[in-house]
Amino acid sequence: MSSAPSQPPEDHEHDPIEDIVPMMPIVLPIGGAVLIFLLAFIAVSMA
């Protein structure tokens, strides 16, 4: 029987999602504010 490796291999491919996840607390509120502003602008312009 062979023993299991103690550490996972380090040759896994780079995942771009791992770079974006730490920025989510900043990006999501800004995106939400822009979306609300655009929807309010459309509502006012249609009225």
Protein backbone atom coordinates (compact mmCIF):
# COMPACT_ATOMS: atom_id res chain seq x y z
CA MET A 1 0.00 0.00 0.00
CA SER A 2 1.28 3.43 -0.83
CA SER A 3 0.85 6.29 1.57
CA ALA A 4 -1.11 9.39 0.59
CA PRO A 5 0.94 12.48 -0.30
CA SER A 6 1.28 14.88 2.62
CA GLN A 7 0.92 18.00 0.47
CA PRO A 8 -1.13 18.59 -2.69
CA PRO A 9 0.84 19.10 -5.89
CA GLU A 10 1.78 22.71 -6.61
CA ASP A 11 1.45 22.43 -10.39
CA HIS A 12 -2.27 23.22 -10.55
CA GLU A 13 -3.36 25.75 -13.14
CA HIS A 14 -4.02 29.39 -12.19
CA ASP A 15 -7.67 30.23 -11.51
CA PRO A 16 -8.60 33.86 -12.34
CA ILE A 17 -11.61 33.64 -10.00
CA GLU A 18 -9.22 33.42 -7.04
CA ASP A 19 -7.89 36.88 -7.96
CA ILE A 20 -11.36 38.45 -8.11
CA VAL A 21 -12.84 37.01 -4.89
CA PRO A 22 -10.89 39.30 -2.47
CA MET A 23 -12.20 42.38 -4.34
CA MET A 24 -15.87 41.38 -4.05
CA PRO A 25 -16.65 43.48 -0.92
CA ILE A 26 -15.59 46.57 -2.91
CA VAL A 27 -16.87 45.67 -6.38
CA LEU A 28 -20.39 44.52 -5.47
CA PRO A 29 -21.55 47.70 -3.65
CA ILE A 30 -20.11 49.92 -6.38
CA GLY A 31 -21.82 47.85 -9.06
CA GLY A 32 -25.08 47.96 -7.12
CA ALA A 33 -24.89 51.74 -6.73
CA VAL A 34 -24.26 52.19 -10.46
CA LEU A 35 -27.17 49.89 -11.30
CA ILE A 36 -29.55 51.75 -8.97
CA PHE A 37 -28.43 55.10 -10.40
CA LEU A 38 -29.01 53.92 -13.98
CA LEU A 39 -32.44 52.50 -13.16
CA ALA A 40 -33.44 55.74 -11.40
CA PHE A 41 -32.17 57.78 -14.36
CA ILE A 42 -34.24 55.65 -16.77
CA ALA A 43 -37.34 55.99 -14.56
CA VAL A 44 -37.00 59.79 -14.34
CA SER A 45 -36.39 60.16 -18.07
CA MET A 46 -39.45 58.07 -18.91
CA ALA A 47 -41.73 60.02 -16.52
